[in-house]
């Protein structure tokens, strides 16, 4: 349930209405927008008589929220949210450009890619230190050594780090060293991990599960937000369908759906979606045109010899061409890139 207050409501009036809600055993979530203030009521709202609030002089209207996700809902938070990743803004008209190799292989490899990507316009560096792989025999990443490499490259280039957390075992290390913690598709419904992510302030990039519905995806974001961390960015990375020619099927419809139903920023990962480098360009352009708040593209200086997912990686020259084209589309739809 949400309580919409009248414009220019005073702090005292907001506190009074909030205390009325709390006295009935519910928690509250205050959203102060430029046009209105909303009090979100969290808990069993069946115990509240809506008429008690409808007649209050500070209240415009009272509405039930039908969706099971509350904090992520557009109804709870009508205005778009912007997430700040160590100075890089994501959402509210800001376009994040995340680039880097699928797997961290060496200092020299990541440094070369990061410097080239930054020169092209990338403002966040991605790289896998821990790699979830379908086969137990495939390269699993360098682990903490890979994370230290990312930190070294960050110190040299100034690019904030994006990398995937697979276990709560390393949560403290990630909270200290990683700027944007990625939760992969396979961990989207690892609810124990999500709840622990809610207890830190680091922004979280939450990838959509292989077979997840929109509601399941949003409910996973709700787990993080309900535990206290509202710095959540959603990431569409393709879903599993009957088609086998491409790695996954990129759901471009998810972009307007996310923007309609939630206030959270959405980033698109065209590399994992198609699994083929030549699909990255058209899907990236389409995603930005559809309103995405960012792109996460795999870039590798020698994809033919990459230890992981070389087939879907762009070479630095191709990435540079892509960003020049993307910049034109972003300008047309009113997006800006923070370089």
Protein backbone atom coordinates (compact mmCIF):
# COMPACT_ATOMS: atom_id res chain seq x y z
CA UNK A 1 0.00 0.00 0.00
CA UNK A 2 1.20 3.53 -0.73
CA UNK A 3 0.05 6.81 0.74
CA UNK A 4 0.44 9.77 -1.61
CA UNK A 5 0.81 13.07 0.24
CA UNK A 6 -0.22 16.48 -1.02
CA UNK A 7 2.37 18.83 -2.58
CA UNK A 8 4.31 21.02 -0.16
CA UNK A 9 3.56 18.72 2.77
CA UNK A 10 5.67 19.68 5.79
CA UNK A 11 8.20 17.43 7.52
CA UNK A 12 5.98 17.39 10.60
CA UNK A 13 3.00 16.15 8.59
CA UNK A 14 5.10 13.45 6.91
CA UNK A 15 6.34 12.25 10.30
CA UNK A 16 2.81 12.26 11.73
CA UNK A 17 1.41 10.07 8.92
CA UNK A 18 4.47 7.81 9.07
CA UNK A 19 3.98 7.29 12.81
CA UNK A 20 0.33 6.40 12.21
CA UNK A 21 1.47 3.61 9.89
CA UNK A 22 4.17 2.36 12.25
CA UNK A 23 1.78 2.30 15.19
CA UNK A 24 -0.17 -0.36 13.28
CA UNK A 25 2.82 -2.69 13.04
CA UNK A 26 4.09 -1.85 9.55
CA UNK A 27 7.41 -0.53 8.28
CA UNK A 28 7.57 2.55 6.09
CA UNK A 29 9.62 3.67 3.10
CA UNK A 30 9.63 7.39 2.29
CA UNK A 31 10.12 8.58 -1.29
CA UNK A 32 10.46 12.35 -1.63
CA UNK A 33 10.21 13.30 -5.30
CA UNK A 34 10.23 16.66 -6.98
CA UNK A 35 6.45 16.62 -7.37
CA UNK A 36 5.17 14.54 -4.46
CA UNK A 37 6.03 12.57 -1.34
CA UNK A 38 4.99 8.92 -1.04
CA UNK A 39 4.94 6.74 2.05
CA UNK A 40 5.26 3.07 1.19
CA UNK A 41 3.72 0.71 3.73
CA UNK A 42 5.58 -2.59 4.04
CA UNK A 43 4.04 -5.57 5.79
CA UNK A 44 0.54 -6.97 6.23
CA UNK A 45 -1.55 -4.03 5.05
CA UNK A 46 -4.80 -5.92 5.66
CA UNK A 47 -4.62 -4.68 9.24
CA UNK A 48 -4.92 -1.05 8.09
CA UNK A 49 -8.19 0.72 7.41
CA UNK A 50 -7.45 2.84 4.34
CA UNK A 51 -10.20 5.29 5.28
CA UNK A 52 -8.19 6.43 8.31
CA UNK A 53 -5.59 7.85 5.95
CA UNK A 54 -7.89 8.97 3.14
CA UNK A 55 -9.50 11.56 5.44
CA UNK A 56 -6.17 12.90 6.68
CA UNK A 57 -5.63 16.54 5.55
CA UNK A 58 -2.08 15.78 4.36
CA UNK A 59 -3.10 12.83 2.16
CA UNK A 60 -4.08 12.97 -1.51
CA UNK A 61 -4.89 9.28 -2.00
CA UNK A 62 -4.19 5.77 -0.74
CA UNK A 63 -3.57 2.88 -3.15
CA UNK A 64 -2.84 -0.82 -2.88
CA UNK A 65 0.22 -2.07 -4.77
CA UNK A 66 -0.74 -5.24 -6.61
CA UNK A 67 2.78 -6.41 -7.46
CA UNK A 68 4.54 -8.66 -4.93
CA UNK A 69 7.69 -6.55 -5.32
CA UNK A 70 7.27 -3.26 -3.48
CA UNK A 71 10.54 -1.35 -3.18
CA UNK A 72 11.43 -2.05 -6.82
CA UNK A 73 7.95 -1.09 -8.03
CA UNK A 74 7.30 2.02 -10.09
CA UNK A 75 4.22 2.61 -7.90
CA UNK A 76 6.40 2.88 -4.78
CA UNK A 77 8.96 5.07 -6.52
CA UNK A 78 7.42 6.93 -9.51
CA UNK A 79 10.63 8.69 -10.57
CA UNK A 80 13.57 6.89 -12.20
CA UNK A 81 16.44 5.91 -9.92
CA UNK A 82 20.06 6.76 -10.64
CA UNK A 83 22.82 4.54 -9.21
CA UNK A 84 26.24 6.09 -8.63
CA UNK A 85 29.12 3.66 -9.24
CA UNK A 86 32.19 5.42 -7.84
CA UNK A 87 31.33 8.59 -9.73
CA UNK A 88 29.85 6.98 -12.83
CA UNK A 89 26.11 7.63 -13.00
CA UNK A 90 23.80 4.89 -14.28
CA UNK A 91 20.21 5.81 -15.09
CA UNK A 92 18.27 9.09 -15.29
CA UNK A 93 19.68 9.87 -18.72
CA UNK A 94 23.23 8.68 -18.05
CA UNK A 95 24.55 5.85 -20.25
CA UNK A 96 27.06 3.48 -18.65
CA UNK A 97 29.57 1.83 -20.97
CA UNK A 98 31.03 -1.29 -19.34
CA UNK A 99 33.78 -3.05 -21.25
CA UNK A 100 36.52 -5.60 -20.73
CA UNK A 101 37.45 -9.27 -21.10
CA UNK A 102 35.24 -12.14 -20.03
CA UNK A 103 38.12 -13.49 -17.93
CA UNK A 104 41.12 -11.85 -16.34
CA UNK A 105 44.19 -13.61 -17.78
CA UNK A 106 47.13 -11.34 -16.94
CA UNK A 107 48.02 -7.78 -15.95
CA UNK A 108 49.27 -7.03 -19.46
CA UNK A 109 46.08 -8.37 -21.08
CA UNK A 110 43.66 -6.40 -18.87
CA UNK A 111 45.77 -3.24 -18.97
CA UNK A 112 45.92 -3.18 -22.76
CA UNK A 113 42.17 -3.78 -23.11
CA UNK A 114 41.25 -1.25 -20.39
CA UNK A 115 43.37 1.52 -21.87
CA UNK A 116 41.93 0.96 -25.33
CA UNK A 117 38.35 0.73 -24.07
CA UNK A 118 38.71 3.89 -22.01
CA UNK A 119 40.11 5.75 -25.01
CA UNK A 120 36.99 4.72 -26.92
CA UNK A 121 34.64 5.99 -24.20
CA UNK A 122 34.14 3.12 -21.75
CA UNK A 123 33.67 4.35 -18.18
CA UNK A 124 33.57 1.04 -16.27
CA UNK A 125 35.94 -1.95 -16.51
CA UNK A 126 34.52 -5.48 -16.43
CA UNK A 127 36.58 -8.61 -15.96
CA UNK A 128 35.87 -12.04 -14.54
CA UNK A 129 38.12 -13.10 -11.65
CA UNK A 130 35.82 -15.96 -10.59
CA UNK A 131 34.12 -17.71 -13.51
CA UNK A 132 30.97 -19.85 -13.27
CA UNK A 133 31.32 -22.43 -16.04
CA UNK A 134 28.99 -25.17 -17.24
CA UNK A 135 31.86 -27.66 -17.34
CA UNK A 136 33.97 -28.30 -14.21
CA UNK A 137 36.96 -28.78 -16.53
CA UNK A 138 36.73 -25.33 -18.14
CA UNK A 139 38.84 -22.37 -16.99
CA UNK A 140 37.40 -21.17 -13.66
CA UNK A 141 39.23 -17.86 -13.42
CA UNK A 142 42.24 -16.67 -11.42
CA UNK A 143 40.22 -15.95 -8.29
CA UNK A 144 41.69 -13.45 -5.83
CA UNK A 145 44.77 -13.09 -8.02
CA UNK A 146 42.48 -11.92 -10.82
CA UNK A 147 40.81 -9.43 -8.49
CA UNK A 148 44.19 -7.97 -7.56
CA UNK A 149 44.96 -7.57 -11.27
CA UNK A 150 41.72 -5.63 -11.75
CA UNK A 151 42.62 -3.39 -8.80
CA UNK A 152 46.06 -2.71 -10.29
CA UNK A 153 44.53 -1.78 -13.65
CA UNK A 154 41.96 0.42 -11.92
CA UNK A 155 44.76 2.31 -10.16
CA UNK A 156 46.47 2.92 -13.49
CA UNK A 157 43.42 3.81 -15.62
CA UNK A 158 40.95 5.17 -13.06
CA UNK A 159 38.18 2.89 -14.36
CA UNK A 160 35.87 1.52 -11.64
CA UNK A 161 35.70 -2.29 -11.50
CA UNK A 162 32.75 -4.56 -12.33
CA UNK A 163 33.22 -8.24 -11.52
CA UNK A 164 31.12 -11.23 -10.50
CA UNK A 165 30.63 -12.47 -6.95
CA UNK A 166 29.76 -16.15 -6.71
CA UNK A 167 29.99 -16.81 -2.99
CA UNK A 168 29.38 -14.89 0.23
CA UNK A 169 32.81 -16.16 1.28
CA UNK A 170 34.39 -13.23 -0.57
CA UNK A 171 31.74 -10.61 0.21
CA UNK A 172 33.96 -8.54 2.51
CA UNK A 173 36.78 -8.47 -0.06
CA UNK A 174 34.38 -7.45 -2.84
CA UNK A 175 32.79 -4.79 -0.65
CA UNK A 176 36.23 -3.28 -0.12
CA UNK A 177 37.66 -3.52 -3.63
CA UNK A 178 34.87 -3.84 -6.24
CA UNK A 179 32.89 -0.81 -7.39
CA UNK A 180 29.93 -2.69 -8.92
CA UNK A 181 29.28 -6.24 -7.74
CA UNK A 182 27.82 -8.44 -10.46
CA UNK A 183 25.46 -11.29 -9.62
CA UNK A 184 25.30 -13.69 -12.53
CA UNK A 185 22.31 -15.40 -14.08
CA UNK A 186 22.94 -18.65 -12.19
CA UNK A 187 22.90 -16.85 -8.82
CA UNK A 188 19.90 -14.63 -9.50
CA UNK A 189 17.81 -16.70 -7.10
CA UNK A 190 20.53 -17.42 -4.56
CA UNK A 191 18.41 -15.70 -1.92
CA UNK A 192 20.85 -16.13 0.96
CA UNK A 193 23.53 -14.35 -1.07
CA UNK A 194 21.08 -11.64 -2.15
CA UNK A 195 20.09 -10.94 1.46
CA UNK A 196 23.73 -10.53 2.43
CA UNK A 197 24.27 -8.13 -0.47
CA UNK A 198 21.45 -6.08 1.01
CA UNK A 199 23.56 -5.44 4.11
CA UNK A 200 26.27 -3.54 2.23
CA UNK A 201 26.14 -0.28 0.29
CA UNK A 202 28.06 -1.33 -2.81
CA UNK A 203 25.93 -1.15 -5.99
CA UNK A 204 24.79 -4.51 -7.35
CA UNK A 205 24.37 -5.47 -11.03
CA UNK A 206 21.72 -8.19 -11.03
CA UNK A 207 21.64 -10.32 -14.17
CA UNK A 208 18.41 -11.98 -15.28
CA UNK A 209 18.32 -15.75 -14.88
CA UNK A 210 18.33 -18.03 -17.93
CA UNK A 211 14.63 -18.86 -17.55
CA UNK A 212 13.46 -16.09 -15.23
CA UNK A 213 10.21 -14.22 -15.71
CA UNK A 214 10.15 -10.48 -15.19
CA UNK A 215 8.47 -10.90 -11.82
CA UNK A 216 11.05 -13.43 -10.63
CA UNK A 217 13.83 -11.06 -11.68
CA UNK A 218 12.24 -8.11 -9.88
CA UNK A 219 11.63 -10.21 -6.78
CA UNK A 220 15.34 -11.03 -6.66
CA UNK A 221 16.07 -7.29 -6.73
CA UNK A 222 13.51 -6.93 -3.94
CA UNK A 223 15.51 -9.33 -1.75
CA UNK A 224 18.54 -7.02 -1.97
CA UNK A 225 16.50 -3.86 -1.46
CA UNK A 226 14.40 -5.22 1.40
CA UNK A 227 17.62 -6.04 3.27
CA UNK A 228 18.69 -2.39 3.02
CA UNK A 229 20.65 -1.88 -0.21
CA UNK A 230 18.66 0.06 -2.82
CA UNK A 231 21.60 0.50 -5.23
CA UNK A 232 20.45 -2.16 -7.69
CA UNK A 233 20.93 -2.17 -11.47
CA UNK A 234 19.16 -4.81 -13.55
CA UNK A 235 20.98 -6.52 -16.44
CA UNK A 236 19.30 -8.26 -19.38
CA UNK A 237 21.70 -10.88 -20.77
CA UNK A 238 19.43 -13.04 -22.88
CA UNK A 239 17.11 -15.87 -21.94
CA UNK A 240 16.97 -19.52 -22.94
CA UNK A 241 14.46 -20.30 -25.69
CA UNK A 242 14.01 -23.09 -28.26
CA UNK A 243 16.54 -21.43 -30.59
CA UNK A 244 20.00 -23.03 -30.65
CA UNK A 245 21.75 -20.99 -33.35
CA UNK A 246 22.53 -18.20 -30.88
CA UNK A 247 23.75 -18.70 -27.34
CA UNK A 248 20.61 -17.10 -25.85
CA UNK A 249 17.79 -14.87 -27.07
CA UNK A 250 18.18 -11.20 -26.20
CA UNK A 251 14.86 -9.92 -24.86
CA UNK A 252 14.84 -6.30 -26.02
CA UNK A 253 11.25 -6.00 -24.83
CA UNK A 254 12.59 -6.25 -21.29
CA UNK A 255 13.91 -2.68 -21.54
CA UNK A 256 10.55 -0.90 -21.85
CA UNK A 257 8.96 -3.45 -19.51
CA UNK A 258 11.54 -2.71 -16.79
CA UNK A 259 11.10 1.01 -17.28
CA UNK A 260 7.31 0.67 -17.02
CA UNK A 261 7.14 -1.60 -13.99
CA UNK A 262 10.18 -0.53 -11.97
CA UNK A 263 12.27 2.56 -11.32
CA UNK A 264 15.58 0.68 -11.48
CA UNK A 265 18.19 1.28 -14.22
CA UNK A 266 18.65 -1.47 -16.81
CA UNK A 267 21.91 -2.45 -18.53
CA UNK A 268 22.07 -4.84 -21.51
CA UNK A 269 24.75 -7.47 -22.12
CA UNK A 270 24.64 -8.24 -25.86
CA UNK A 271 27.81 -10.37 -25.73
CA UNK A 272 26.40 -13.19 -23.61
CA UNK A 273 23.03 -12.94 -25.31
CA UNK A 274 24.13 -13.85 -28.82
CA UNK A 275 27.44 -15.55 -28.19
CA UNK A 276 28.75 -14.25 -31.54
CA UNK A 277 30.82 -11.10 -31.95
CA UNK A 278 29.01 -9.93 -35.08
CA UNK A 279 25.71 -9.80 -33.19
CA UNK A 280 27.06 -7.39 -30.59
CA UNK A 281 26.92 -4.28 -32.78
CA UNK A 282 23.27 -4.51 -33.96
CA UNK A 283 22.02 -5.62 -30.55
CA UNK A 284 23.92 -2.82 -28.79
CA UNK A 285 22.42 -0.21 -31.09
CA UNK A 286 18.95 -1.67 -30.64
CA UNK A 287 19.31 -1.73 -26.85
CA UNK A 288 20.35 1.92 -26.64
CA UNK A 289 17.56 2.94 -29.03
CA UNK A 290 15.07 1.05 -26.85
CA UNK A 291 16.12 3.05 -23.79
CA UNK A 292 18.77 0.97 -22.01
CA UNK A 293 20.77 2.79 -19.34
CA UNK A 294 24.00 1.02 -20.22
CA UNK A 295 25.83 -1.64 -22.21
CA UNK A 296 28.19 -4.34 -20.98
CA UNK A 297 30.34 -5.50 -23.90
CA UNK A 298 33.14 -8.03 -23.87
CA UNK A 299 36.36 -6.68 -25.40
CA UNK A 300 39.50 -8.75 -25.92
CA UNK A 301 42.81 -7.90 -27.59
CA UNK A 302 43.26 -11.45 -28.88
CA UNK A 303 39.88 -13.21 -28.85
CA UNK A 304 41.12 -16.14 -30.93
CA UNK A 305 43.28 -17.17 -27.96
CA UNK A 306 40.95 -16.08 -25.13
CA UNK A 307 40.61 -18.50 -22.23
CA UNK A 308 36.86 -17.84 -22.10
CA UNK A 309 34.18 -16.72 -24.58
CA UNK A 310 36.47 -15.36 -27.28
CA UNK A 311 33.81 -15.91 -29.95
CA UNK A 312 31.57 -13.21 -28.48
CA UNK A 313 34.30 -10.62 -27.82
CA UNK A 314 35.00 -7.52 -29.87
CA UNK A 315 38.54 -6.43 -30.67
CA UNK A 316 39.39 -2.91 -29.43
CA UNK A 317 39.13 -1.40 -32.93
CA UNK A 318 35.63 -2.83 -33.41
CA UNK A 319 34.61 -1.57 -29.96
CA UNK A 320 35.81 1.90 -30.85
CA UNK A 321 33.69 1.88 -34.02
CA UNK A 322 30.68 0.66 -32.03
CA UNK A 323 30.95 3.42 -29.41
CA UNK A 324 31.15 6.12 -32.05
CA UNK A 325 27.91 4.82 -33.56
CA UNK A 326 26.28 4.34 -30.15
CA UNK A 327 27.12 7.92 -29.19
CA UNK A 328 25.01 9.19 -32.07
CA UNK A 329 22.01 7.10 -31.04
CA UNK A 330 22.40 8.15 -27.40
CA UNK A 331 22.42 11.80 -28.37
CA UNK A 332 19.19 11.43 -30.36
CA UNK A 333 17.30 9.89 -27.43
CA UNK A 334 18.74 12.29 -24.84
CA UNK A 335 21.29 9.99 -23.16
CA UNK A 336 24.71 11.19 -22.10
CA UNK A 337 27.93 9.32 -21.41
CA UNK A 338 30.03 10.32 -18.40
CA UNK A 339 33.63 10.07 -19.60
